[in-house]
C-alpha atoms as a PDB file:
ATOM      1  CA  UNK A   1     -19.904  19.786   5.388  1.00  0.00           C
ATOM      2  CA  UNK A   2     -18.597  21.572   2.315  1.00  0.00           C
ATOM      3  CA  UNK A   3     -19.670  20.268  -1.078  1.00  0.00           C
ATOM      4  CA  UNK A   4     -21.357  17.026   0.053  1.00  0.00           C
ATOM      5  CA  UNK A   5     -21.578  15.745  -3.515  1.00  0.00           C
ATOM      6  CA  UNK A   6     -17.829  15.111  -3.452  1.00  0.00           C
ATOM      7  CA  UNK A   7     -18.034  12.795  -0.432  1.00  0.00           C
ATOM      8  CA  UNK A   8     -17.765   9.154  -1.455  1.00  0.00           C
ATOM      9  CA  UNK A   9     -18.110   7.462   1.938  1.00  0.00           C
ATOM     10  CA  UNK A  10     -18.920   8.501   5.481  1.00  0.00           C
ATOM     11  CA  UNK A  11     -18.483   6.522   8.677  1.00  0.00           C
ATOM     12  CA  UNK A  12     -20.342   6.745  11.956  1.00  0.00           C
ATOM     13  CA  UNK A  13     -18.996   8.464  15.042  1.00  0.00           C
ATOM     14  CA  UNK A  14     -18.033   5.231  16.814  1.00  0.00           C
ATOM     15  CA  UNK A  15     -15.531   4.571  14.006  1.00  0.00           C
ATOM     16  CA  UNK A  16     -13.808   7.938  14.303  1.00  0.00           C
ATOM     17  CA  UNK A  17     -11.897   6.935  17.425  1.00  0.00           C
ATOM     18  CA  UNK A  18      -9.916   4.337  15.473  1.00  0.00           C
ATOM     19  CA  UNK A  19      -8.896   6.709  12.707  1.00  0.00           C
ATOM     20  CA  UNK A  20      -5.777   8.191  14.282  1.00  0.00           C
ATOM     21  CA  UNK A  21      -4.425   4.747  15.121  1.00  0.00           C
ATOM     22  CA  UNK A  22      -5.116   3.494  11.603  1.00  0.00           C
ATOM     23  CA  UNK A  23      -3.117   6.444  10.233  1.00  0.00           C
ATOM     24  CA  UNK A  24      -0.160   5.627  12.472  1.00  0.00           C
ATOM     25  CA  UNK A  25      -0.548   8.609  14.824  1.00  0.00           C
ATOM     26  CA  UNK A  26       1.298   6.962  17.707  1.00  0.00           C
ATOM     27  CA  UNK A  27       4.419   7.588  19.735  1.00  0.00           C
ATOM     28  CA  UNK A  28       6.237  10.848  19.123  1.00  0.00           C
ATOM     29  CA  UNK A  29       5.981  10.845  15.331  1.00  0.00           C
ATOM     30  CA  UNK A  30       3.155  13.370  15.206  1.00  0.00           C
ATOM     31  CA  UNK A  31       5.097  15.804  17.361  1.00  0.00           C
ATOM     32  CA  UNK A  32       7.687  16.236  14.622  1.00  0.00           C
ATOM     33  CA  UNK A  33       5.398  18.005  12.166  1.00  0.00           C
ATOM     34  CA  UNK A  34       6.976  21.181  10.893  1.00  0.00           C
ATOM     35  CA  UNK A  35       3.753  23.195  10.772  1.00  0.00           C
ATOM     36  CA  UNK A  36       0.722  23.468  12.984  1.00  0.00           C
ATOM     37  CA  UNK A  37      -2.751  22.907  11.531  1.00  0.00           C
ATOM     38  CA  UNK A  38      -4.423  26.004  10.210  1.00  0.00           C
ATOM     39  CA  UNK A  39      -8.106  26.592  10.046  1.00  0.00           C
ATOM     40  CA  UNK A  40      -9.846  26.679   6.708  1.00  0.00           C
ATOM     41  CA  UNK A  41     -12.597  25.163   4.590  1.00  0.00           C
ATOM     42  CA  UNK A  42     -12.547  21.656   3.237  1.00  0.00           C
ATOM     43  CA  UNK A  43     -11.460  21.583  -0.383  1.00  0.00           C
ATOM     44  CA  UNK A  44     -10.628  18.815  -2.870  1.00  0.00           C
ATOM     45  CA  UNK A  45     -12.379  16.383  -0.551  1.00  0.00           C
ATOM     46  CA  UNK A  46     -12.469  12.666  -0.981  1.00  0.00           C
ATOM     47  CA  UNK A  47     -13.192  10.053   1.641  1.00  0.00           C
ATOM     48  CA  UNK A  48     -11.415   6.940   2.801  1.00  0.00           C
ATOM     49  CA  UNK A  49     -12.679   3.578   3.960  1.00  0.00           C
ATOM     50  CA  UNK A  50     -12.247   2.694   7.629  1.00  0.00           C
ATOM     51  CA  UNK A  51     -13.003  -0.418   9.645  1.00  0.00           C
ATOM     52  CA  UNK A  52     -13.950  -0.922  13.271  1.00  0.00           C
ATOM     53  CA  UNK A  53     -10.958  -3.132  14.030  1.00  0.00           C
ATOM     54  CA  UNK A  54      -8.663  -2.050  16.836  1.00  0.00           C
ATOM     55  CA  UNK A  55      -5.189  -0.867  15.775  1.00  0.00           C
ATOM     56  CA  UNK A  56      -2.433  -3.423  15.464  1.00  0.00           C
ATOM     57  CA  UNK A  57       0.143  -3.788  18.258  1.00  0.00           C
ATOM     58  CA  UNK A  58       3.534  -2.195  17.652  1.00  0.00           C
ATOM     59  CA  UNK A  59       5.221  -5.369  16.422  1.00  0.00           C
ATOM     60  CA  UNK A  60       6.538  -5.101  12.880  1.00  0.00           C
ATOM     61  CA  UNK A  61       6.602  -7.255   9.763  1.00  0.00           C
ATOM     62  CA  UNK A  62       4.007  -9.621  11.197  1.00  0.00           C
ATOM     63  CA  UNK A  63       5.924 -12.356  13.071  1.00  0.00           C
ATOM     64  CA  UNK A  64       9.454 -11.280  12.143  1.00  0.00           C
ATOM     65  CA  UNK A  65      10.840  -8.018  13.536  1.00  0.00           C
ATOM     66  CA  UNK A  66      13.039  -6.055  11.157  1.00  0.00           C
ATOM     67  CA  UNK A  67      15.335  -4.764  13.879  1.00  0.00           C
ATOM     68  CA  UNK A  68      15.991  -5.857  17.435  1.00  0.00           C
ATOM     69  CA  UNK A  69      17.113  -3.277  19.937  1.00  0.00           C
ATOM     70  CA  UNK A  70      18.982  -4.543  23.015  1.00  0.00           C
ATOM     71  CA  UNK A  71      20.915  -2.412  25.486  1.00  0.00           C
ATOM     72  CA  UNK A  72      20.783   0.543  23.164  1.00  0.00           C
ATOM     73  CA  UNK A  73      22.278  -1.290  20.179  1.00  0.00           C
ATOM     74  CA  UNK A  74      20.461  -2.261  17.010  1.00  0.00           C
ATOM     75  CA  UNK A  75      21.258  -5.541  15.307  1.00  0.00           C
ATOM     76  CA  UNK A  76      20.092  -6.405  11.827  1.00  0.00           C
ATOM     77  CA  UNK A  77      18.065  -9.523  11.077  1.00  0.00           C
ATOM     78  CA  UNK A  78      18.272 -11.074   7.624  1.00  0.00           C
ATOM     79  CA  UNK A  79      14.809 -10.926   6.086  1.00  0.00           C
ATOM     80  CA  UNK A  80      13.325 -10.851   2.611  1.00  0.00           C
ATOM     81  CA  UNK A  81      13.533  -7.473   0.804  1.00  0.00           C
ATOM     82  CA  UNK A  82      10.373  -5.409   0.981  1.00  0.00           C
ATOM     83  CA  UNK A  83      10.268  -4.760  -2.775  1.00  0.00           C
ATOM     84  CA  UNK A  84      10.148  -7.243  -5.640  1.00  0.00           C
ATOM     85  CA  UNK A  85      12.839  -7.183  -8.348  1.00  0.00           C
ATOM     86  CA  UNK A  86      12.938  -4.033 -10.443  1.00  0.00           C
ATOM     87  CA  UNK A  87      10.701  -4.184 -13.512  1.00  0.00           C
ATOM     88  CA  UNK A  88      12.344  -3.733 -16.884  1.00  0.00           C
ATOM     89  CA  UNK A  89      10.654  -0.362 -17.450  1.00  0.00           C
ATOM     90  CA  UNK A  90      12.239   0.951 -14.230  1.00  0.00           C
ATOM     91  CA  UNK A  91      15.725  -0.454 -14.778  1.00  0.00           C
ATOM     92  CA  UNK A  92      18.330   2.173 -13.926  1.00  0.00           C
ATOM     93  CA  UNK A  93      15.807   4.552 -12.362  1.00  0.00           C
ATOM     94  CA  UNK A  94      16.079   6.028  -8.892  1.00  0.00           C
ATOM     95  CA  UNK A  95      13.608   4.572  -6.398  1.00  0.00           C
ATOM     96  CA  UNK A  96      11.581   7.294  -4.679  1.00  0.00           C
ATOM     97  CA  UNK A  97       9.753   6.371  -1.480  1.00  0.00           C
ATOM     98  CA  UNK A  98       6.825   8.729  -0.840  1.00  0.00           C
ATOM     99  CA  UNK A  99       4.905   9.172   2.402  1.00  0.00           C
ATOM    100  CA  UNK A 100       1.120   9.611   2.481  1.00  0.00           C
ATOM    101  CA  UNK A 101      -0.317  11.536   5.451  1.00  0.00           C
ATOM    102  CA  UNK A 102       0.645  15.196   5.795  1.00  0.00           C
ATOM    103  CA  UNK A 103       2.876  14.741   2.717  1.00  0.00           C
ATOM    104  CA  UNK A 104       0.333  14.054  -0.054  1.00  0.00           C
ATOM    105  CA  UNK A 105      -2.943  14.283   1.870  1.00  0.00           C
ATOM    106  CA  UNK A 106      -4.383  15.241   5.242  1.00  0.00           C
ATOM    107  CA  UNK A 107      -6.870  12.988   6.973  1.00  0.00           C
ATOM    108  CA  UNK A 108      -9.137  14.829   9.373  1.00  0.00           C
ATOM    109  CA  UNK A 109     -10.997  13.477  12.372  1.00  0.00           C
ATOM    110  CA  UNK A 110     -14.210  14.181  10.464  1.00  0.00           C
ATOM    111  CA  UNK A 111     -13.172  11.237   8.300  1.00  0.00           C
ATOM    112  CA  UNK A 112     -12.425  13.225   5.216  1.00  0.00           C
ATOM    113  CA  UNK A 113      -9.166  13.095   3.305  1.00  0.00           C
ATOM    114  CA  UNK A 114      -7.942  16.315   1.698  1.00  0.00           C
ATOM    115  CA  UNK A 115      -5.621  16.261  -1.294  1.00  0.00           C
ATOM    116  CA  UNK A 116      -2.602  18.525  -1.059  1.00  0.00           C
ATOM    117  CA  UNK A 117      -2.553  21.157  -3.824  1.00  0.00           C
ATOM    118  CA  UNK A 118      -0.755  20.013  -7.000  1.00  0.00           C
ATOM    119  CA  UNK A 119      -0.582  16.384  -5.799  1.00  0.00           C
ATOM    120  CA  UNK A 120      -2.003  15.153  -9.118  1.00  0.00           C
ATOM    121  CA  UNK A 121       0.667  16.882 -11.188  1.00  0.00           C
ATOM    122  CA  UNK A 122       3.364  15.808  -8.739  1.00  0.00           C
ATOM    123  CA  UNK A 123       2.450  12.107  -8.751  1.00  0.00           C
ATOM    124  CA  UNK A 124       2.002  11.966 -12.513  1.00  0.00           C
ATOM    125  CA  UNK A 125       5.451  13.451 -13.117  1.00  0.00           C
ATOM    126  CA  UNK A 126       7.112  11.334 -10.417  1.00  0.00           C
ATOM    127  CA  UNK A 127       5.678   8.173 -11.932  1.00  0.00           C
ATOM    128  CA  UNK A 128       7.205   9.110 -15.270  1.00  0.00           C
ATOM    129  CA  UNK A 129      10.697   9.749 -13.883  1.00  0.00           C
ATOM    130  CA  UNK A 130      11.161   7.249 -11.044  1.00  0.00           C
ATOM    131  CA  UNK A 131      10.330   3.876  -9.602  1.00  0.00           C
ATOM    132  CA  UNK A 132       7.825   5.242  -7.069  1.00  0.00           C
ATOM    133  CA  UNK A 133       6.852   3.414  -3.900  1.00  0.00           C
ATOM    134  CA  UNK A 134       4.219   4.458  -1.379  1.00  0.00           C
ATOM    135  CA  UNK A 135       5.551   3.855   2.140  1.00  0.00           C
ATOM    136  CA  UNK A 136       3.279   4.827   5.005  1.00  0.00           C
ATOM    137  CA  UNK A 137       3.057   4.059   8.718  1.00  0.00           C
ATOM    138  CA  UNK A 138      -0.704   3.815   8.313  1.00  0.00           C
ATOM    139  CA  UNK A 139      -2.576   0.534   8.208  1.00  0.00           C
ATOM    140  CA  UNK A 140      -3.377  -0.887   4.794  1.00  0.00           C
ATOM    141  CA  UNK A 141      -7.119  -0.826   5.519  1.00  0.00           C
ATOM    142  CA  UNK A 142      -6.925   2.985   5.597  1.00  0.00           C
ATOM    143  CA  UNK A 143      -4.077   3.746   3.193  1.00  0.00           C
ATOM    144  CA  UNK A 144      -4.931   1.327   0.399  1.00  0.00           C
ATOM    145  CA  UNK A 145      -8.379   2.838  -0.407  1.00  0.00           C
ATOM    146  CA  UNK A 146      -6.923   6.349  -0.155  1.00  0.00           C
ATOM    147  CA  UNK A 147      -4.134   5.402  -2.557  1.00  0.00           C
ATOM    148  CA  UNK A 148      -6.644   3.896  -4.983  1.00  0.00           C
ATOM    149  CA  UNK A 149      -8.424   7.250  -5.138  1.00  0.00           C
ATOM    150  CA  UNK A 150      -5.250   9.324  -5.166  1.00  0.00           C
ATOM    151  CA  UNK A 151      -3.019   7.552  -7.685  1.00  0.00           C
ATOM    152  CA  UNK A 152      -4.872   7.880 -10.981  1.00  0.00           C
ATOM    153  CA  UNK A 153      -1.815   7.120 -13.109  1.00  0.00           C
ATOM    154  CA  UNK A 154      -0.391   4.042 -11.407  1.00  0.00           C
ATOM    155  CA  UNK A 155       2.639   6.018 -10.250  1.00  0.00           C
ATOM    156  CA  UNK A 156       3.155   3.722  -7.263  1.00  0.00           C
ATOM    157  CA  UNK A 157       4.778   0.462  -8.355  1.00  0.00           C
ATOM    158  CA  UNK A 158       4.393  -0.917  -4.833  1.00  0.00           C
ATOM    159  CA  UNK A 159       2.691   0.075  -1.581  1.00  0.00           C
ATOM    160  CA  UNK A 160       4.236  -0.549   1.827  1.00  0.00           C
ATOM    161  CA  UNK A 161       2.298  -0.125   5.058  1.00  0.00           C
ATOM    162  CA  UNK A 162       2.827  -0.191   8.824  1.00  0.00           C
ATOM    163  CA  UNK A 163       3.909  -3.838   9.004  1.00  0.00           C
ATOM    164  CA  UNK A 164       6.896  -2.965   6.810  1.00  0.00           C
ATOM    165  CA  UNK A 165       8.103  -0.303   9.258  1.00  0.00           C
ATOM    166  CA  UNK A 166      10.428  -0.707  12.207  1.00  0.00           C
ATOM    167  CA  UNK A 167       8.991   0.253  15.587  1.00  0.00           C
ATOM    168  CA  UNK A 168      11.933   2.113  17.096  1.00  0.00           C
ATOM    169  CA  UNK A 169      11.780   4.263  20.245  1.00  0.00           C
ATOM    170  CA  UNK A 170       8.097   5.024  19.873  1.00  0.00           C
ATOM    171  CA  UNK A 171       8.104   5.726  16.139  1.00  0.00           C
ATOM    172  CA  UNK A 172       7.396   3.776  12.983  1.00  0.00           C
ATOM    173  CA  UNK A 173      10.638   4.098  11.009  1.00  0.00           C
ATOM    174  CA  UNK A 174      11.042   3.328   7.302  1.00  0.00           C
ATOM    175  CA  UNK A 175      14.281   1.362   6.990  1.00  0.00           C
ATOM    176  CA  UNK A 176      15.397   2.022   3.428  1.00  0.00           C
ATOM    177  CA  UNK A 177      18.094  -0.668   3.630  1.00  0.00           C
ATOM    178  CA  UNK A 178      15.311  -3.267   3.605  1.00  0.00           C
ATOM    179  CA  UNK A 179      13.860  -2.216   0.261  1.00  0.00           C
ATOM    180  CA  UNK A 180      16.219  -4.340  -1.818  1.00  0.00           C
ATOM    181  CA  UNK A 181      17.592  -1.329  -3.719  1.00  0.00           C
ATOM    182  CA  UNK A 182      21.035   0.296  -3.689  1.00  0.00           C
ATOM    183  CA  UNK A 183      20.859   3.165  -1.219  1.00  0.00           C
ATOM    184  CA  UNK A 184      22.671   5.485  -3.611  1.00  0.00           C
ATOM    185  CA  UNK A 185      19.613   5.125  -5.863  1.00  0.00           C
ATOM    186  CA  UNK A 186      16.964   5.665  -3.156  1.00  0.00           C
ATOM    187  CA  UNK A 187      15.194   8.859  -2.028  1.00  0.00           C
ATOM    188  CA  UNK A 188      12.536   9.249   0.646  1.00  0.00           C
ATOM    189  CA  UNK A 189      10.009  12.114   0.572  1.00  0.00           C
ATOM    190  CA  UNK A 190       8.450  12.544   4.002  1.00  0.00           C
ATOM    191  CA  UNK A 191       7.225  15.233   6.392  1.00  0.00           C
ATOM    192  CA  UNK A 192       8.419  13.388   9.518  1.00  0.00           C
ATOM    193  CA  UNK A 193      12.169  13.244  10.319  1.00  0.00           C
ATOM    194  CA  UNK A 194      11.481  10.247  12.594  1.00  0.00           C
ATOM    195  CA  UNK A 195      10.424   8.236   9.548  1.00  0.00           C
ATOM    196  CA  UNK A 196      13.866   8.423   7.947  1.00  0.00           C
ATOM    197  CA  UNK A 197      16.037   8.626  11.056  1.00  0.00           C
ATOM    198  CA  UNK A 198      18.126   5.655   9.844  1.00  0.00           C
ATOM    199  CA  UNK A 199      18.881   7.300   6.475  1.00  0.00           C
ATOM    200  CA  UNK A 200      18.726  11.102   6.755  1.00  0.00           C
ATOM    201  CA  UNK A 201      21.113  11.543   3.811  1.00  0.00           C
ATOM    202  CA  UNK A 202      18.504   9.973   1.516  1.00  0.00           C
ATOM    203  CA  UNK A 203      15.719  12.332   2.527  1.00  0.00           C
ATOM    204  CA  UNK A 204      13.980  15.156   0.753  1.00  0.00           C
ATOM    205  CA  UNK A 205      12.016  16.670   3.657  1.00  0.00           C
ATOM    206  CA  UNK A 206       8.702  18.373   3.018  1.00  0.00           C
ATOM    207  CA  UNK A 207       6.670  20.596   5.313  1.00  0.00           C
ATOM    208  CA  UNK A 208       3.645  18.984   6.934  1.00  0.00           C
ATOM    209  CA  UNK A 209       0.438  19.903   5.135  1.00  0.00           C
ATOM    210  CA  UNK A 210      -3.027  20.159   6.671  1.00  0.00           C
ATOM    211  CA  UNK A 211      -5.417  22.451   4.784  1.00  0.00           C
ATOM    212  CA  UNK A 212      -3.523  25.395   3.270  1.00  0.00           C
ATOM    213  CA  UNK A 213      -4.868  25.467  -0.278  1.00  0.00           C
ATOM    214  CA  UNK A 214      -2.269  28.061  -1.313  1.00  0.00           C
ATOM    215  CA  UNK A 215       0.533  25.555  -0.674  1.00  0.00           C
ATOM    216  CA  UNK A 216       2.841  25.004  -3.680  1.00  0.00           C
ATOM    217  CA  UNK A 217       5.540  22.763  -2.213  1.00  0.00           C
ATOM    218  CA  UNK A 218       4.821  19.701  -4.378  1.00  0.00           C
ATOM    219  CA  UNK A 219       4.766  21.835  -7.500  1.00  0.00           C
ATOM    220  CA  UNK A 220       7.985  23.587  -6.507  1.00  0.00           C
ATOM    221  CA  UNK A 221       9.730  20.232  -5.963  1.00  0.00           C
ATOM    222  CA  UNK A 222       9.204  18.959  -9.508  1.00  0.00           C
ATOM    223  CA  UNK A 223      12.228  20.761 -11.079  1.00  0.00           C
ATOM    224  CA  UNK A 224      14.438  19.493  -8.244  1.00  0.00           C
ATOM    225  CA  UNK A 225      13.318  15.915  -8.864  1.00  0.00           C
ATOM    226  CA  UNK A 226      13.829  16.318 -12.599  1.00  0.00           C
ATOM    227  CA  UNK A 227      17.455  17.016 -11.763  1.00  0.00           C
ATOM    228  CA  UNK A 228      17.686  14.044  -9.390  1.00  0.00           C
ATOM    229  CA  UNK A 229      16.235  11.685 -11.980  1.00  0.00           C
ATOM    230  CA  UNK A 230      19.354  12.153 -14.109  1.00  0.00           C
ATOM    231  CA  UNK A 231      22.021  11.343 -11.496  1.00  0.00           C
ATOM    232  CA  UNK A 232      23.698   7.976 -10.942  1.00  0.00           C
ATOM    233  CA  UNK A 233      24.200   8.598  -7.231  1.00  0.00           C
ATOM    234  CA  UNK A 234      21.608  10.609  -5.279  1.00  0.00           C
ATOM    235  CA  UNK A 235      24.151  11.478  -2.587  1.00  0.00           C
ATOM    236  CA  UNK A 236      25.985  13.735  -5.025  1.00  0.00           C
ATOM    237  CA  UNK A 237      22.992  16.061  -4.818  1.00  0.00           C
ATOM    238  CA  UNK A 238      21.375  15.343  -1.447  1.00  0.00           C
ATOM    239  CA  UNK A 239      24.493  15.362   0.738  1.00  0.00           C
ATOM    240  CA  UNK A 240      25.537  18.743  -0.620  1.00  0.00           C
ATOM    241  CA  UNK A 241      22.200  20.122   0.497  1.00  0.00           C
ATOM    242  CA  UNK A 242      22.024  18.385   3.856  1.00  0.00           C
ATOM    243  CA  UNK A 243      19.238  16.104   2.650  1.00  0.00           C
ATOM    244  CA  UNK A 244      17.054  19.113   1.924  1.00  0.00           C
ATOM    245  CA  UNK A 245      16.030  21.068  -1.119  1.00  0.00           C
ATOM    246  CA  UNK A 246      16.972  24.442   0.246  1.00  0.00           C
END
C-alpha cells in the first residue's frame, strides 16, 4: 500500500465482500457513472469503518415506505420530513444536498477511501454559504465514519443515509420533496442521475470521480455556487442551464 502511515483502519478480507453493498452499489445506479475508473496510485488516503453485517433489504425508511409504486404509478405517502426545522443561522439559505461516493470520495475494494482533490476547500466554502446536508445511498455504518473524517468544519447540518432513500426501479432515489424544504431553495449535487430522477431541475451534476488527482471539478464549482447562494429561487439559474453548470 502507498503511505501506510496515513491508514487509520484496515479490515480483513472476509469483510471486503460487504463493502459494495454498504456503499449502495446495487441495481443500475453504478452503471450511470459518467467516467470509467482510471488507474493510478493511492493518494490522500483515509480509511473507513466497516462491519460484518449483511446489507439491508431494499425497503426504505425502516417500516414506512416513502413511495408506493403500483401499476406504473407512484403515489405519495404522508410521512415526517427528513430534516428538522431550519436553524436560525441557516434561515433564508438555500439547502444543498451533497452526495458522498464518487462525488466527494471514492471507496475502493481495498477498503481505502480516497478524498477527491479540493474537497476540503469545497466543503468549507459550502458550509459557509448554504444549509448543507449529506445524502447518500450508503449505509450509515459506512458513511457516518467517513463523514466524521471528511467534514472537519461541520459543514453538514444533517446526514441522511440509505433508509431515507426511495427504492425505485432498482435504484436508491433521493426524493427532495421529503426534505421539508421549499424545492425552489433546494439543490442536489450528485454524480448519479438516478439519484435525482424525481427532481432533475434541482440538480448540479458532477462527473464521477475515482482516482484522478488532477481533477479540479469541486474547485471549479465554487464560483457557480457563490452565485447560487444569492438567489431567491434556484430554478432561475438551474433551469436555464438544464440543471447543469455548463
